[in-house]
Amino acid sequence: GATLKTSRLLLERAKELDLAIVGVSFHVGSGCTDPETFVQAISDARCVFDMGAELGFSMYLLDIG
């Protein structure tokens, strides 16, 4: 997984390379039973979607593993 800071750097690099970024993928672990873990992961994904939008990406896919 990538931190939010690293995600921003990756998105910026993808923009430089003219790549099409369509979404975010995460996996909290198959044994995870804590709903708050999912809440945090989805919140972080929202931040990445927002970063992508700022850079001009039209992201539409959220893969929760």
PDB file of N, CA and C in Angstrom:
ATOM      1  N   GLY A   1       0.819  -1.188   0.000  1.00  0.00           N
ATOM      2  CA  GLY A   1       0.000   0.000   0.000  1.00  0.00           C
ATOM      3  C   GLY A   1       0.864   1.252   0.000  1.00  0.00           C
ATOM      4  N   ALA A   2       0.265   2.313  -0.408  1.00  0.00           N
ATOM      5  CA  ALA A   2       0.952   3.602  -0.480  1.00  0.00           C
ATOM      6  C   ALA A   2       0.318   4.581   0.500  1.00  0.00           C
ATOM      7  N   THR A   3       1.146   5.386   1.119  1.00  0.00           N
ATOM      8  CA  THR A   3       0.631   6.449   1.982  1.00  0.00           C
ATOM      9  C   THR A   3      -0.041   7.503   1.104  1.00  0.00           C
ATOM     10  N   LEU A   4      -0.780   8.409   1.735  1.00  0.00           N
ATOM     11  CA  LEU A   4      -1.408   9.488   0.979  1.00  0.00           C
ATOM     12  C   LEU A   4      -0.355  10.365   0.309  1.00  0.00           C
ATOM     13  N   LYS A   5       0.733  10.623   1.006  1.00  0.00           N
ATOM     14  CA  LYS A   5       1.811  11.438   0.430  1.00  0.00           C
ATOM     15  C   LYS A   5       2.407  10.755  -0.800  1.00  0.00           C
ATOM     16  N   THR A   6       2.668   9.465  -0.680  1.00  0.00           N
ATOM     17  CA  THR A   6       3.212   8.711  -1.805  1.00  0.00           C
ATOM     18  C   THR A   6       2.205   8.629  -2.944  1.00  0.00           C
ATOM     19  N   SER A   7       0.930   8.504  -2.599  1.00  0.00           N
ATOM     20  CA  SER A   7      -0.114   8.459  -3.625  1.00  0.00           C
ATOM     21  C   SER A   7      -0.102   9.732  -4.457  1.00  0.00           C
ATOM     22  N   ARG A   8       0.070  10.870  -3.791  1.00  0.00           N
ATOM     23  CA  ARG A   8       0.134  12.147  -4.509  1.00  0.00           C
ATOM     24  C   ARG A   8       1.317  12.151  -5.481  1.00  0.00           C
ATOM     25  N   LEU A   9       2.462  11.695  -5.009  1.00  0.00           N
ATOM     26  CA  LEU A   9       3.648  11.647  -5.868  1.00  0.00           C
ATOM     27  C   LEU A   9       3.444  10.701  -7.056  1.00  0.00           C
ATOM     28  N   LEU A  10       2.799   9.570  -6.805  1.00  0.00           N
ATOM     29  CA  LEU A  10       2.525   8.618  -7.882  1.00  0.00           C
ATOM     30  C   LEU A  10       1.564   9.208  -8.910  1.00  0.00           C
ATOM     31  N   LEU A  11       0.540   9.903  -8.435  1.00  0.00           N
ATOM     32  CA  LEU A  11      -0.404  10.540  -9.354  1.00  0.00           C
ATOM     33  C   LEU A  11       0.283  11.621 -10.192  1.00  0.00           C
ATOM     34  N   GLU A  12       1.139  12.395  -9.556  1.00  0.00           N
ATOM     35  CA  GLU A  12       1.872  13.431 -10.292  1.00  0.00           C
ATOM     36  C   GLU A  12       2.761  12.811 -11.366  1.00  0.00           C
ATOM     37  N   ARG A  13       3.418  11.716 -11.021  1.00  0.00           N
ATOM     38  CA  ARG A  13       4.280  11.030 -11.999  1.00  0.00           C
ATOM     39  C   ARG A  13       3.440  10.443 -13.128  1.00  0.00           C
ATOM     40  N   ALA A  14       2.299   9.868 -12.796  1.00  0.00           N
ATOM     41  CA  ALA A  14       1.404   9.320 -13.815  1.00  0.00           C
ATOM     42  C   ALA A  14       0.958  10.415 -14.779  1.00  0.00           C
ATOM     43  N   LYS A  15       0.700  11.595 -14.254  1.00  0.00           N
ATOM     44  CA  LYS A  15       0.316  12.740 -15.089  1.00  0.00           C
ATOM     45  C   LYS A  15       1.453  13.097 -16.041  1.00  0.00           C
ATOM     46  N   GLU A  16       2.681  13.136 -15.523  1.00  0.00           N
ATOM     47  CA  GLU A  16       3.850  13.433 -16.359  1.00  0.00           C
ATOM     48  C   GLU A  16       4.003  12.422 -17.496  1.00  0.00           C
ATOM     49  N   LEU A  17       3.651  11.171 -17.211  1.00  0.00           N
ATOM     50  CA  LEU A  17       3.781  10.095 -18.198  1.00  0.00           C
ATOM     51  C   LEU A  17       2.546   9.956 -19.083  1.00  0.00           C
ATOM     52  N   ASP A  18       1.560  10.826 -18.868  1.00  0.00           N
ATOM     53  CA  ASP A  18       0.312  10.817 -19.632  1.00  0.00           C
ATOM     54  C   ASP A  18      -0.428   9.482 -19.510  1.00  0.00           C
ATOM     55  N   LEU A  19      -0.426   8.926 -18.293  1.00  0.00           N
ATOM     56  CA  LEU A  19      -1.152   7.688 -18.027  1.00  0.00           C
ATOM     57  C   LEU A  19      -2.590   8.003 -17.647  1.00  0.00           C
ATOM     58  N   ALA A  20      -3.482   7.073 -17.913  1.00  0.00           N
ATOM     59  CA  ALA A  20      -4.889   7.214 -17.527  1.00  0.00           C
ATOM     60  C   ALA A  20      -5.095   6.466 -16.208  1.00  0.00           C
ATOM     61  N   ILE A  21      -5.295   7.197 -15.136  1.00  0.00           N
ATOM     62  CA  ILE A  21      -5.562   6.585 -13.836  1.00  0.00           C
ATOM     63  C   ILE A  21      -7.076   6.567 -13.648  1.00  0.00           C
ATOM     64  N   VAL A  22      -7.637   5.369 -13.426  1.00  0.00           N
ATOM     65  CA  VAL A  22      -9.093   5.245 -13.381  1.00  0.00           C
ATOM     66  C   VAL A  22      -9.645   5.019 -11.981  1.00  0.00           C
ATOM     67  N   GLY A  23      -8.787   4.745 -11.003  1.00  0.00           N
ATOM     68  CA  GLY A  23      -9.329   4.514  -9.679  1.00  0.00           C
ATOM     69  C   GLY A  23      -8.301   4.126  -8.639  1.00  0.00           C
ATOM     70  N   VAL A  24      -8.838   3.599  -7.553  1.00  0.00           N
ATOM     71  CA  VAL A  24      -8.055   3.250  -6.369  1.00  0.00           C
ATOM     72  C   VAL A  24      -8.400   1.820  -5.974  1.00  0.00           C
ATOM     73  N   SER A  25      -7.405   1.098  -5.504  1.00  0.00           N
ATOM     74  CA  SER A  25      -7.610  -0.250  -5.001  1.00  0.00           C
ATOM     75  C   SER A  25      -6.980  -0.366  -3.620  1.00  0.00           C
ATOM     76  N   PHE A  26      -7.682  -1.028  -2.708  1.00  0.00           N
ATOM     77  CA  PHE A  26      -7.094  -1.312  -1.405  1.00  0.00           C
ATOM     78  C   PHE A  26      -7.603  -2.647  -0.896  1.00  0.00           C
ATOM     79  N   HIS A  27      -6.870  -3.224   0.042  1.00  0.00           N
ATOM     80  CA  HIS A  27      -7.271  -4.480   0.682  1.00  0.00           C
ATOM     81  C   HIS A  27      -6.875  -4.388   2.146  1.00  0.00           C
ATOM     82  N   VAL A  28      -7.861  -4.422   3.036  1.00  0.00           N
ATOM     83  CA  VAL A  28      -7.574  -4.274   4.464  1.00  0.00           C
ATOM     84  C   VAL A  28      -7.188  -5.595   5.120  1.00  0.00           C
ATOM     85  N   GLY A  29      -7.337  -6.672   4.399  1.00  0.00           N
ATOM     86  CA  GLY A  29      -7.009  -7.989   4.940  1.00  0.00           C
ATOM     87  C   GLY A  29      -8.249  -8.851   5.044  1.00  0.00           C
ATOM     88  N   SER A  30      -8.136 -10.098   4.647  1.00  0.00           N
ATOM     89  CA  SER A  30      -9.305 -10.978   4.613  1.00  0.00           C
ATOM     90  C   SER A  30      -9.853 -11.284   5.995  1.00  0.00           C
ATOM     91  N   GLY A  31      -9.041 -11.146   7.030  1.00  0.00           N
ATOM     92  CA  GLY A  31      -9.508 -11.427   8.384  1.00  0.00           C
ATOM     93  C   GLY A  31     -10.014 -10.203   9.126  1.00  0.00           C
ATOM     94  N   CYS A  32     -10.087  -9.079   8.451  1.00  0.00           N
ATOM     95  CA  CYS A  32     -10.484  -7.830   9.113  1.00  0.00           C
ATOM     96  C   CYS A  32     -11.969  -7.854   9.458  1.00  0.00           C
ATOM     97  N   THR A  33     -12.268  -7.619  10.728  1.00  0.00           N
ATOM     98  CA  THR A  33     -13.664  -7.569  11.177  1.00  0.00           C
ATOM     99  C   THR A  33     -14.025  -6.217  11.779  1.00  0.00           C
ATOM    100  N   ASP A  34     -13.098  -5.284  11.750  1.00  0.00           N
ATOM    101  CA  ASP A  34     -13.323  -3.963  12.331  1.00  0.00           C
ATOM    102  C   ASP A  34     -13.850  -3.002  11.272  1.00  0.00           C
ATOM    103  N   PRO A  35     -15.111  -2.589  11.378  1.00  0.00           N
ATOM    104  CA  PRO A  35     -15.683  -1.674  10.384  1.00  0.00           C
ATOM    105  C   PRO A  35     -14.909  -0.360  10.269  1.00  0.00           C
ATOM    106  N   GLU A  36     -14.309   0.105  11.353  1.00  0.00           N
ATOM    107  CA  GLU A  36     -13.576   1.367  11.325  1.00  0.00           C
ATOM    108  C   GLU A  36     -12.369   1.297  10.382  1.00  0.00           C
ATOM    109  N   THR A  37     -11.799   0.115  10.243  1.00  0.00           N
ATOM    110  CA  THR A  37     -10.689  -0.060   9.310  1.00  0.00           C
ATOM    111  C   THR A  37     -11.150   0.225   7.883  1.00  0.00           C
ATOM    112  N   PHE A  38     -12.342  -0.271   7.537  1.00  0.00           N
ATOM    113  CA  PHE A  38     -12.904  -0.004   6.215  1.00  0.00           C
ATOM    114  C   PHE A  38     -13.245   1.474   6.057  1.00  0.00           C
ATOM    115  N   VAL A  39     -13.799   2.080   7.097  1.00  0.00           N
ATOM    116  CA  VAL A  39     -14.136   3.508   7.055  1.00  0.00           C
ATOM    117  C   VAL A  39     -12.887   4.329   6.764  1.00  0.00           C
ATOM    118  N   GLN A  40     -11.791   4.025   7.447  1.00  0.00           N
ATOM    119  CA  GLN A  40     -10.548   4.768   7.236  1.00  0.00           C
ATOM    120  C   GLN A  40     -10.006   4.549   5.832  1.00  0.00           C
ATOM    121  N   ALA A  41     -10.054   3.317   5.364  1.00  0.00           N
ATOM    122  CA  ALA A  41      -9.541   3.016   4.022  1.00  0.00           C
ATOM    123  C   ALA A  41     -10.362   3.729   2.947  1.00  0.00           C
ATOM    124  N   ILE A  42     -11.679   3.756   3.112  1.00  0.00           N
ATOM    125  CA  ILE A  42     -12.536   4.444   2.143  1.00  0.00           C
ATOM    126  C   ILE A  42     -12.310   5.951   2.213  1.00  0.00           C
ATOM    127  N   SER A  43     -12.108   6.472   3.405  1.00  0.00           N
ATOM    128  CA  SER A  43     -11.806   7.897   3.570  1.00  0.00           C
ATOM    129  C   SER A  43     -10.492   8.257   2.875  1.00  0.00           C
ATOM    130  N   ASP A  44      -9.488   7.423   3.052  1.00  0.00           N
ATOM    131  CA  ASP A  44      -8.205   7.650   2.383  1.00  0.00           C
ATOM    132  C   ASP A  44      -8.371   7.570   0.862  1.00  0.00           C
ATOM    133  N   ALA A  45      -9.173   6.614   0.404  1.00  0.00           N
ATOM    134  CA  ALA A  45      -9.422   6.486  -1.032  1.00  0.00           C
ATOM    135  C   ALA A  45     -10.091   7.750  -1.571  1.00  0.00           C
ATOM    136  N   ARG A  46     -11.008   8.318  -0.795  1.00  0.00           N
ATOM    137  CA  ARG A  46     -11.660   9.570  -1.202  1.00  0.00           C
ATOM    138  C   ARG A  46     -10.618  10.675  -1.390  1.00  0.00           C
ATOM    139  N   CYS A  47      -9.668  10.731  -0.488  1.00  0.00           N
ATOM    140  CA  CYS A  47      -8.592  11.722  -0.603  1.00  0.00           C
ATOM    141  C   CYS A  47      -7.803  11.516  -1.890  1.00  0.00           C
ATOM    142  N   VAL A  48      -7.534  10.270  -2.228  1.00  0.00           N
ATOM    143  CA  VAL A  48      -6.784   9.981  -3.451  1.00  0.00           C
ATOM    144  C   VAL A  48      -7.616  10.364  -4.680  1.00  0.00           C
ATOM    145  N   PHE A  49      -8.913  10.089  -4.640  1.00  0.00           N
ATOM    146  CA  PHE A  49      -9.792  10.510  -5.738  1.00  0.00           C
ATOM    147  C   PHE A  49      -9.753  12.029  -5.890  1.00  0.00           C
ATOM    148  N   ASP A  50      -9.783  12.741  -4.775  1.00  0.00           N
ATOM    149  CA  ASP A  50      -9.726  14.207  -4.814  1.00  0.00           C
ATOM    150  C   ASP A  50      -8.400  14.691  -5.391  1.00  0.00           C
ATOM    151  N   MET A  51      -7.304  14.061  -4.991  1.00  0.00           N
ATOM    152  CA  MET A  51      -5.996  14.413  -5.541  1.00  0.00           C
ATOM    153  C   MET A  51      -5.979  14.175  -7.049  1.00  0.00           C
ATOM    154  N   GLY A  52      -6.532  13.045  -7.452  1.00  0.00           N
ATOM    155  CA  GLY A  52      -6.580  12.731  -8.877  1.00  0.00           C
ATOM    156  C   GLY A  52      -7.379  13.760  -9.658  1.00  0.00           C
ATOM    157  N   ALA A  53      -8.508  14.170  -9.102  1.00  0.00           N
ATOM    158  CA  ALA A  53      -9.343  15.177  -9.764  1.00  0.00           C
ATOM    159  C   ALA A  53      -8.587  16.493  -9.912  1.00  0.00           C
ATOM    160  N   GLU A  54      -7.835  16.872  -8.887  1.00  0.00           N
ATOM    161  CA  GLU A  54      -7.036  18.106  -8.947  1.00  0.00           C
ATOM    162  C   GLU A  54      -6.024  18.066 -10.091  1.00  0.00           C
ATOM    163  N   LEU A  55      -5.566  16.866 -10.403  1.00  0.00           N
ATOM    164  CA  LEU A  55      -4.568  16.703 -11.461  1.00  0.00           C
ATOM    165  C   LEU A  55      -5.197  16.420 -12.824  1.00  0.00           C
ATOM    166  N   GLY A  56      -6.525  16.368 -12.866  1.00  0.00           N
ATOM    167  CA  GLY A  56      -7.221  16.186 -14.134  1.00  0.00           C
ATOM    168  C   GLY A  56      -7.620  14.765 -14.476  1.00  0.00           C
ATOM    169  N   PHE A  57      -7.455  13.839 -13.546  1.00  0.00           N
ATOM    170  CA  PHE A  57      -7.871  12.461 -13.796  1.00  0.00           C
ATOM    171  C   PHE A  57      -9.376  12.313 -13.558  1.00  0.00           C
ATOM    172  N   SER A  58     -10.022  11.494 -14.398  1.00  0.00           N
ATOM    173  CA  SER A  58     -11.443  11.173 -14.224  1.00  0.00           C
ATOM    174  C   SER A  58     -11.524   9.770 -13.632  1.00  0.00           C
ATOM    175  N   MET A  59     -11.402   9.696 -12.326  1.00  0.00           N
ATOM    176  CA  MET A  59     -11.361   8.402 -11.645  1.00  0.00           C
ATOM    177  C   MET A  59     -12.783   7.967 -11.291  1.00  0.00           C
ATOM    178  N   TYR A  60     -13.080   6.688 -11.520  1.00  0.00           N
ATOM    179  CA  TYR A  60     -14.428   6.176 -11.309  1.00  0.00           C
ATOM    180  C   TYR A  60     -14.472   4.793 -10.648  1.00  0.00           C
ATOM    181  N   LEU A  61     -13.344   4.190 -10.381  1.00  0.00           N
ATOM    182  CA  LEU A  61     -13.303   2.817  -9.885  1.00  0.00           C
ATOM    183  C   LEU A  61     -12.729   2.761  -8.473  1.00  0.00           C
ATOM    184  N   LEU A  62     -13.451   2.097  -7.566  1.00  0.00           N
ATOM    185  CA  LEU A  62     -12.955   1.843  -6.212  1.00  0.00           C
ATOM    186  C   LEU A  62     -13.007   0.340  -5.976  1.00  0.00           C
ATOM    187  N   ASP A  63     -11.840  -0.284  -5.919  1.00  0.00           N
ATOM    188  CA  ASP A  63     -11.716  -1.726  -5.704  1.00  0.00           C
ATOM    189  C   ASP A  63     -11.349  -1.942  -4.240  1.00  0.00           C
ATOM    190  N   ILE A  64     -12.245  -2.566  -3.483  1.00  0.00           N
ATOM    191  CA  ILE A  64     -12.009  -2.757  -2.052  1.00  0.00           C
ATOM    192  C   ILE A  64     -11.425  -4.132  -1.735  1.00  0.00           C
ATOM    193  N   GLY A  65     -10.880  -4.783  -2.743  1.00  0.00           N
ATOM    194  CA  GLY A  65     -10.168  -6.030  -2.544  1.00  0.00           C
ATOM    195  C   GLY A  65     -11.072  -7.167  -2.247  1.00  0.00           C
TER     196      GLY A  65
END
